[in-house]
PDB file of all heavy atoms in Angstrom:
ATOM      1  N   TYR A   1       0.829  -1.209   0.000  1.00  0.00           N
ATOM      2  CA  TYR A   1       0.000   0.000   0.000  1.00  0.00           C
ATOM      3  C   TYR A   1       0.864   1.259   0.000  1.00  0.00           C
ATOM      4  O   TYR A   1       0.635   2.183  -0.780  1.00  0.00           O
ATOM      5  CB  TYR A   1      -0.946   0.006   1.206  1.00  0.00           C
ATOM      6  CG  TYR A   1      -1.716   1.295   1.324  1.00  0.00           C
ATOM      7  CD1 TYR A   1      -2.819   1.534   0.511  1.00  0.00           C
ATOM      8  CD2 TYR A   1      -1.331   2.273   2.232  1.00  0.00           C
ATOM      9  CE1 TYR A   1      -3.512   2.727   0.597  1.00  0.00           C
ATOM     10  CE2 TYR A   1      -2.020   3.471   2.326  1.00  0.00           C
ATOM     11  CZ  TYR A   1      -3.114   3.692   1.505  1.00  0.00           C
ATOM     12  OH  TYR A   1      -3.793   4.878   1.592  1.00  0.00           O
ATOM     13  N   VAL A   2       1.865   1.289   0.878  1.00  0.00           N
ATOM     14  CA  VAL A   2       2.735   2.464   0.964  1.00  0.00           C
ATOM     15  C   VAL A   2       3.480   2.674  -0.348  1.00  0.00           C
ATOM     16  O   VAL A   2       3.558   3.800  -0.853  1.00  0.00           O
ATOM     17  CB  VAL A   2       3.722   2.338   2.148  1.00  0.00           C
ATOM     18  CG1 VAL A   2       4.813   3.388   2.075  1.00  0.00           C
ATOM     19  CG2 VAL A   2       2.967   2.453   3.468  1.00  0.00           C
ATOM     20  N   GLU A   3       4.025   1.608  -0.911  1.00  0.00           N
ATOM     21  CA  GLU A   3       4.767   1.743  -2.164  1.00  0.00           C
ATOM     22  C   GLU A   3       3.858   2.191  -3.311  1.00  0.00           C
ATOM     23  O   GLU A   3       4.260   2.985  -4.152  1.00  0.00           O
ATOM     24  CB  GLU A   3       5.461   0.429  -2.512  1.00  0.00           C
ATOM     25  CG  GLU A   3       6.624   0.131  -1.580  1.00  0.00           C
ATOM     26  CD  GLU A   3       7.225  -1.252  -1.756  1.00  0.00           C
ATOM     27  OE1 GLU A   3       6.614  -2.099  -2.451  1.00  0.00           O
ATOM     28  OE2 GLU A   3       8.301  -1.491  -1.185  1.00  0.00           O
ATOM     29  N   LYS A   4       2.617   1.696  -3.327  1.00  0.00           N
ATOM     30  CA  LYS A   4       1.700   2.044  -4.416  1.00  0.00           C
ATOM     31  C   LYS A   4       1.078   3.427  -4.241  1.00  0.00           C
ATOM     32  O   LYS A   4       0.944   4.173  -5.210  1.00  0.00           O
ATOM     33  CB  LYS A   4       0.583   0.994  -4.502  1.00  0.00           C
ATOM     34  CG  LYS A   4      -0.402   1.256  -5.614  1.00  0.00           C
ATOM     35  CD  LYS A   4      -1.479   0.192  -5.668  1.00  0.00           C
ATOM     36  CE  LYS A   4      -2.480   0.530  -6.767  1.00  0.00           C
ATOM     37  NZ  LYS A   4      -3.702  -0.232  -6.640  1.00  0.00           N
ATOM     38  N   GLU A   5       0.696   3.777  -3.026  1.00  0.00           N
ATOM     39  CA  GLU A   5      -0.081   4.998  -2.793  1.00  0.00           C
ATOM     40  C   GLU A   5       0.684   6.155  -2.172  1.00  0.00           C
ATOM     41  O   GLU A   5       0.289   7.304  -2.332  1.00  0.00           O
ATOM     42  CB  GLU A   5      -1.292   4.669  -1.903  1.00  0.00           C
ATOM     43  CG  GLU A   5      -2.240   3.655  -2.487  1.00  0.00           C
ATOM     44  CD  GLU A   5      -2.949   4.137  -3.742  1.00  0.00           C
ATOM     45  OE1 GLU A   5      -3.159   5.356  -3.876  1.00  0.00           O
ATOM     46  OE2 GLU A   5      -3.293   3.297  -4.590  1.00  0.00           O
ATOM     47  N   LEU A   6       1.761   5.870  -1.438  1.00  0.00           N
ATOM     48  CA  LEU A   6       2.420   6.923  -0.661  1.00  0.00           C
ATOM     49  C   LEU A   6       3.883   7.144  -1.029  1.00  0.00           C
ATOM     50  O   LEU A   6       4.554   7.956  -0.400  1.00  0.00           O
ATOM     51  CB  LEU A   6       2.297   6.620   0.839  1.00  0.00           C
ATOM     52  CG  LEU A   6       0.869   6.452   1.369  1.00  0.00           C
ATOM     53  CD1 LEU A   6       0.881   6.076   2.833  1.00  0.00           C
ATOM     54  CD2 LEU A   6       0.057   7.716   1.141  1.00  0.00           C
ATOM     55  N   SER A   7       4.391   6.434  -2.022  1.00  0.00           N
ATOM     56  CA  SER A   7       5.778   6.635  -2.440  1.00  0.00           C
ATOM     57  C   SER A   7       5.903   7.979  -3.148  1.00  0.00           C
ATOM     58  O   SER A   7       4.906   8.571  -3.577  1.00  0.00           O
ATOM     59  CB  SER A   7       6.210   5.510  -3.391  1.00  0.00           C
ATOM     60  OG  SER A   7       5.448   5.591  -4.594  1.00  0.00           O
ATOM     61  N   SER A   8       7.111   8.466  -3.296  1.00  0.00           N
ATOM     62  CA  SER A   8       7.326   9.745  -3.990  1.00  0.00           C
ATOM     63  C   SER A   8       6.728   9.746  -5.391  1.00  0.00           C
ATOM     64  O   SER A   8       6.004  10.687  -5.748  1.00  0.00           O
ATOM     65  CB  SER A   8       8.817  10.084  -4.043  1.00  0.00           C
ATOM     66  OG  SER A   8       9.295  10.355  -2.760  1.00  0.00           O
ATOM     67  N   PRO A   9       6.965   8.722  -6.222  1.00  0.00           N
ATOM     68  CA  PRO A   9       6.361   8.746  -7.564  1.00  0.00           C
ATOM     69  C   PRO A   9       4.825   8.780  -7.515  1.00  0.00           C
ATOM     70  O   PRO A   9       4.197   9.483  -8.302  1.00  0.00           O
ATOM     71  CB  PRO A   9       6.860   7.452  -8.211  1.00  0.00           C
ATOM     72  CG  PRO A   9       8.117   7.122  -7.484  1.00  0.00           C
ATOM     73  CD  PRO A   9       7.889   7.595  -6.070  1.00  0.00           C
ATOM     74  N   ALA A  10       4.225   8.028  -6.587  1.00  0.00           N
ATOM     75  CA  ALA A  10       2.764   8.012  -6.485  1.00  0.00           C
ATOM     76  C   ALA A  10       2.231   9.374  -6.054  1.00  0.00           C
ATOM     77  O   ALA A  10       1.240   9.871  -6.603  1.00  0.00           O
ATOM     78  CB  ALA A  10       2.315   6.936  -5.501  1.00  0.00           C
ATOM     79  N   LEU A  11       2.893   9.997  -5.082  1.00  0.00           N
ATOM     80  CA  LEU A  11       2.442  11.304  -4.606  1.00  0.00           C
ATOM     81  C   LEU A  11       2.644  12.385  -5.660  1.00  0.00           C
ATOM     82  O   LEU A  11       1.808  13.276  -5.808  1.00  0.00           O
ATOM     83  CB  LEU A  11       3.157  11.664  -3.297  1.00  0.00           C
ATOM     84  CG  LEU A  11       2.788  10.781  -2.108  1.00  0.00           C
ATOM     85  CD1 LEU A  11       3.627  11.152  -0.895  1.00  0.00           C
ATOM     86  CD2 LEU A  11       1.307  10.875  -1.785  1.00  0.00           C
ATOM     87  N   ILE A  12       3.737  12.295  -6.411  1.00  0.00           N
ATOM     88  CA  ILE A  12       3.979  13.262  -7.493  1.00  0.00           C
ATOM     89  C   ILE A  12       2.876  13.128  -8.546  1.00  0.00           C
ATOM     90  O   ILE A  12       2.325  14.137  -9.013  1.00  0.00           O
ATOM     91  CB  ILE A  12       5.373  13.065  -8.109  1.00  0.00           C
ATOM     92  CG1 ILE A  12       6.444  13.517  -7.108  1.00  0.00           C
ATOM     93  CG2 ILE A  12       5.511  13.803  -9.441  1.00  0.00           C
ATOM     94  CD1 ILE A  12       7.857  13.119  -7.479  1.00  0.00           C
ATOM     95  N   LYS A  13       2.531  11.913  -8.900  1.00  0.00           N
ATOM     96  CA  LYS A  13       1.471  11.682  -9.890  1.00  0.00           C
ATOM     97  C   LYS A  13       0.146  12.267  -9.401  1.00  0.00           C
ATOM     98  O   LYS A  13      -0.572  12.921 -10.152  1.00  0.00           O
ATOM     99  CB  LYS A  13       1.332  10.185 -10.165  1.00  0.00           C
ATOM    100  CG  LYS A  13       0.313   9.850 -11.220  1.00  0.00           C
ATOM    101  CD  LYS A  13       0.278   8.353 -11.499  1.00  0.00           C
ATOM    102  CE  LYS A  13      -0.754   8.027 -12.567  1.00  0.00           C
ATOM    103  NZ  LYS A  13      -0.793   6.600 -12.855  1.00  0.00           N
ATOM    104  N   LYS A  14      -0.178  12.043  -8.125  1.00  0.00           N
ATOM    105  CA  LYS A  14      -1.420  12.587  -7.564  1.00  0.00           C
ATOM    106  C   LYS A  14      -1.407  14.113  -7.582  1.00  0.00           C
ATOM    107  O   LYS A  14      -2.426  14.749  -7.886  1.00  0.00           O
ATOM    108  CB  LYS A  14      -1.624  12.079  -6.134  1.00  0.00           C
ATOM    109  CG  LYS A  14      -2.007  10.621  -6.062  1.00  0.00           C
ATOM    110  CD  LYS A  14      -2.140  10.164  -4.625  1.00  0.00           C
ATOM    111  CE  LYS A  14      -2.406   8.674  -4.556  1.00  0.00           C
ATOM    112  NZ  LYS A  14      -2.608   8.204  -3.188  1.00  0.00           N
ATOM    113  N   LEU A  15      -0.271  14.706  -7.269  1.00  0.00           N
ATOM    114  CA  LEU A  15      -0.155  16.162  -7.263  1.00  0.00           C
ATOM    115  C   LEU A  15      -0.329  16.735  -8.666  1.00  0.00           C
ATOM    116  O   LEU A  15      -1.073  17.690  -8.878  1.00  0.00           O
ATOM    117  CB  LEU A  15       1.197  16.585  -6.669  1.00  0.00           C
ATOM    118  CG  LEU A  15       1.452  18.076  -6.545  1.00  0.00           C
ATOM    119  CD1 LEU A  15       0.404  18.738  -5.664  1.00  0.00           C
ATOM    120  CD2 LEU A  15       2.842  18.318  -5.982  1.00  0.00           C
ATOM    121  N   VAL A  16       0.333  16.128  -9.635  1.00  0.00           N
ATOM    122  CA  VAL A  16       0.215  16.585 -11.029  1.00  0.00           C
ATOM    123  C   VAL A  16      -1.224  16.444 -11.507  1.00  0.00           C
ATOM    124  O   VAL A  16      -1.760  17.336 -12.166  1.00  0.00           O
ATOM    125  CB  VAL A  16       1.202  15.815 -11.940  1.00  0.00           C
ATOM    126  CG1 VAL A  16       0.913  16.077 -13.409  1.00  0.00           C
ATOM    127  CG2 VAL A  16       2.638  16.203 -11.597  1.00  0.00           C
ATOM    128  N   ASN A  17      -1.887  15.334 -11.165  1.00  0.00           N
ATOM    129  CA  ASN A  17      -3.288  15.142 -11.544  1.00  0.00           C
ATOM    130  C   ASN A  17      -4.184  16.208 -10.902  1.00  0.00           C
ATOM    131  O   ASN A  17      -5.106  16.725 -11.545  1.00  0.00           O
ATOM    132  CB  ASN A  17      -3.773  13.747 -11.172  1.00  0.00           C
ATOM    133  CG  ASN A  17      -3.193  12.678 -12.066  1.00  0.00           C
ATOM    134  OD1 ASN A  17      -2.743  12.945 -13.175  1.00  0.00           O
ATOM    135  ND2 ASN A  17      -3.189  11.444 -11.586  1.00  0.00           N
ATOM    136  N   ALA A  18      -3.915  16.528  -9.640  1.00  0.00           N
ATOM    137  CA  ALA A  18      -4.700  17.566  -8.961  1.00  0.00           C
ATOM    138  C   ALA A  18      -4.498  18.917  -9.649  1.00  0.00           C
ATOM    139  O   ALA A  18      -5.461  19.672  -9.855  1.00  0.00           O
ATOM    140  CB  ALA A  18      -4.304  17.654  -7.485  1.00  0.00           C
ATOM    141  N   TRP A  19      -3.263  19.238 -10.005  1.00  0.00           N
ATOM    142  CA  TRP A  19      -3.002  20.496 -10.736  1.00  0.00           C
ATOM    143  C   TRP A  19      -3.755  20.507 -12.063  1.00  0.00           C
ATOM    144  O   TRP A  19      -4.302  21.521 -12.463  1.00  0.00           O
ATOM    145  CB  TRP A  19      -1.516  20.679 -10.987  1.00  0.00           C
ATOM    146  CG  TRP A  19      -0.722  21.050  -9.770  1.00  0.00           C
ATOM    147  CD1 TRP A  19      -1.175  21.606  -8.621  1.00  0.00           C
ATOM    148  CD2 TRP A  19       0.679  20.887  -9.607  1.00  0.00           C
ATOM    149  NE1 TRP A  19      -0.142  21.790  -7.742  1.00  0.00           N
ATOM    150  CE2 TRP A  19       1.013  21.362  -8.332  1.00  0.00           C
ATOM    151  CE3 TRP A  19       1.685  20.377 -10.416  1.00  0.00           C
ATOM    152  CZ2 TRP A  19       2.310  21.360  -7.848  1.00  0.00           C
ATOM    153  CZ3 TRP A  19       2.982  20.365  -9.935  1.00  0.00           C
ATOM    154  CH2 TRP A  19       3.291  20.854  -8.665  1.00  0.00           C
ATOM    155  N   GLY A  20      -3.783  19.373 -12.752  1.00  0.00           N
ATOM    156  CA  GLY A  20      -4.494  19.278 -14.022  1.00  0.00           C
ATOM    157  C   GLY A  20      -5.984  19.532 -13.848  1.00  0.00           C
ATOM    158  O   GLY A  20      -6.594  20.247 -14.653  1.00  0.00           O
ATOM    159  N   ARG A  21      -6.566  18.963 -12.789  1.00  0.00           N
ATOM    160  CA  ARG A  21      -7.993  19.188 -12.529  1.00  0.00           C
ATOM    161  C   ARG A  21      -8.250  20.655 -12.206  1.00  0.00           C
ATOM    162  O   ARG A  21      -9.231  21.235 -12.680  1.00  0.00           O
ATOM    163  CB  ARG A  21      -8.474  18.296 -11.388  1.00  0.00           C
ATOM    164  CG  ARG A  21      -8.618  16.830 -11.784  1.00  0.00           C
ATOM    165  CD  ARG A  21      -9.345  16.010 -10.730  1.00  0.00           C
ATOM    166  NE  ARG A  21      -8.732  16.066  -9.414  1.00  0.00           N
ATOM    167  CZ  ARG A  21      -7.724  15.284  -9.011  1.00  0.00           C
ATOM    168  NH1 ARG A  21      -7.231  14.377  -9.831  1.00  0.00           N
ATOM    169  NH2 ARG A  21      -7.225  15.393  -7.797  1.00  0.00           N
ATOM    170  N   LEU A  22      -7.385  21.267 -11.419  1.00  0.00           N
ATOM    171  CA  LEU A  22      -7.555  22.684 -11.089  1.00  0.00           C
ATOM    172  C   LEU A  22      -7.429  23.555 -12.335  1.00  0.00           C
ATOM    173  O   LEU A  22      -8.196  24.502 -12.522  1.00  0.00           O
ATOM    174  CB  LEU A  22      -6.529  23.117 -10.035  1.00  0.00           C
ATOM    175  CG  LEU A  22      -6.792  22.618  -8.623  1.00  0.00           C
ATOM    176  CD1 LEU A  22      -5.609  22.947  -7.715  1.00  0.00           C
ATOM    177  CD2 LEU A  22      -8.062  23.234  -8.070  1.00  0.00           C
ATOM    178  N   ALA A  23      -6.468  23.238 -13.187  1.00  0.00           N
ATOM    179  CA  ALA A  23      -6.288  24.010 -14.420  1.00  0.00           C
ATOM    180  C   ALA A  23      -7.516  23.866 -15.311  1.00  0.00           C
ATOM    181  O   ALA A  23      -7.983  24.843 -15.907  1.00  0.00           O
ATOM    182  CB  ALA A  23      -5.034  23.541 -15.158  1.00  0.00           C
ATOM    183  N   ALA A  24      -8.075  22.653 -15.385  1.00  0.00           N
ATOM    184  CA  ALA A  24      -9.271  22.434 -16.203  1.00  0.00           C
ATOM    185  C   ALA A  24     -10.456  23.213 -15.646  1.00  0.00           C
ATOM    186  O   ALA A  24     -11.219  23.811 -16.407  1.00  0.00           O
ATOM    187  CB  ALA A  24      -9.596  20.948 -16.273  1.00  0.00           C
ATOM    188  N   GLN A  25     -10.602  23.237 -14.334  1.00  0.00           N
ATOM    189  CA  GLN A  25     -11.691  24.002 -13.716  1.00  0.00           C
ATOM    190  C   GLN A  25     -11.539  25.483 -14.013  1.00  0.00           C
ATOM    191  O   GLN A  25     -12.505  26.168 -14.332  1.00  0.00           O
ATOM    192  CB  GLN A  25     -11.719  23.779 -12.203  1.00  0.00           C
ATOM    193  CG  GLN A  25     -12.214  22.421 -11.795  1.00  0.00           C
ATOM    194  CD  GLN A  25     -12.107  22.198 -10.287  1.00  0.00           C
ATOM    195  OE1 GLN A  25     -11.557  23.030  -9.559  1.00  0.00           O
ATOM    196  NE2 GLN A  25     -12.619  21.071  -9.820  1.00  0.00           N
ATOM    197  N   SER A  26     -10.310  25.964 -13.908  1.00  0.00           N
ATOM    198  CA  SER A  26     -10.033  27.380 -14.171  1.00  0.00           C
ATOM    199  C   SER A  26     -10.355  27.717 -15.623  1.00  0.00           C
ATOM    200  O   SER A  26     -10.981  28.737 -15.916  1.00  0.00           O
ATOM    201  CB  SER A  26      -8.570  27.695 -13.860  1.00  0.00           C
ATOM    202  OG  SER A  26      -8.288  29.036 -14.168  1.00  0.00           O
ATOM    203  N   THR A  27      -9.965  26.859 -16.539  1.00  0.00           N
ATOM    204  CA  THR A  27     -10.239  27.065 -17.962  1.00  0.00           C
ATOM    205  C   THR A  27     -11.738  27.071 -18.217  1.00  0.00           C
ATOM    206  O   THR A  27     -12.249  27.919 -18.955  1.00  0.00           O
ATOM    207  CB  THR A  27      -9.555  25.973 -18.808  1.00  0.00           C
ATOM    208  OG1 THR A  27      -8.153  26.029 -18.561  1.00  0.00           O
ATOM    209  CG2 THR A  27      -9.813  26.161 -20.284  1.00  0.00           C
TER     210      THR A  27
END
Protein backbone atom coordinates (compact mmCIF):
# COMPACT_ATOMS: atom_id res chain seq x y z
CA TYR A 1 0.00 0.00 0.00
CA VAL A 2 2.74 2.46 0.96
CA GLU A 3 4.77 1.74 -2.16
CA LYS A 4 1.70 2.04 -4.42
CA GLU A 5 -0.08 5.00 -2.79
CA LEU A 6 2.42 6.92 -0.66
CA SER A 7 5.78 6.64 -2.44
CA SER A 8 7.33 9.74 -3.99
CA PRO A 9 6.36 8.75 -7.56
CA ALA A 10 2.76 8.01 -6.49
CA LEU A 11 2.44 11.30 -4.61
CA ILE A 12 3.98 13.26 -7.49
CA LYS A 13 1.47 11.68 -9.89
CA LYS A 14 -1.42 12.59 -7.56
CA LEU A 15 -0.15 16.16 -7.26
CA VAL A 16 0.22 16.59 -11.03
CA ASN A 17 -3.29 15.14 -11.54
CA ALA A 18 -4.70 17.57 -8.96
CA TRP A 19 -3.00 20.50 -10.74
CA GLY A 20 -4.49 19.28 -14.02
CA ARG A 21 -7.99 19.19 -12.53
CA LEU A 22 -7.55 22.68 -11.09
CA ALA A 23 -6.29 24.01 -14.42
CA ALA A 24 -9.27 22.43 -16.20
CA GLN A 25 -11.69 24.00 -13.72
CA SER A 26 -10.03 27.38 -14.17
CA THR A 27 -10.24 27.07 -17.96
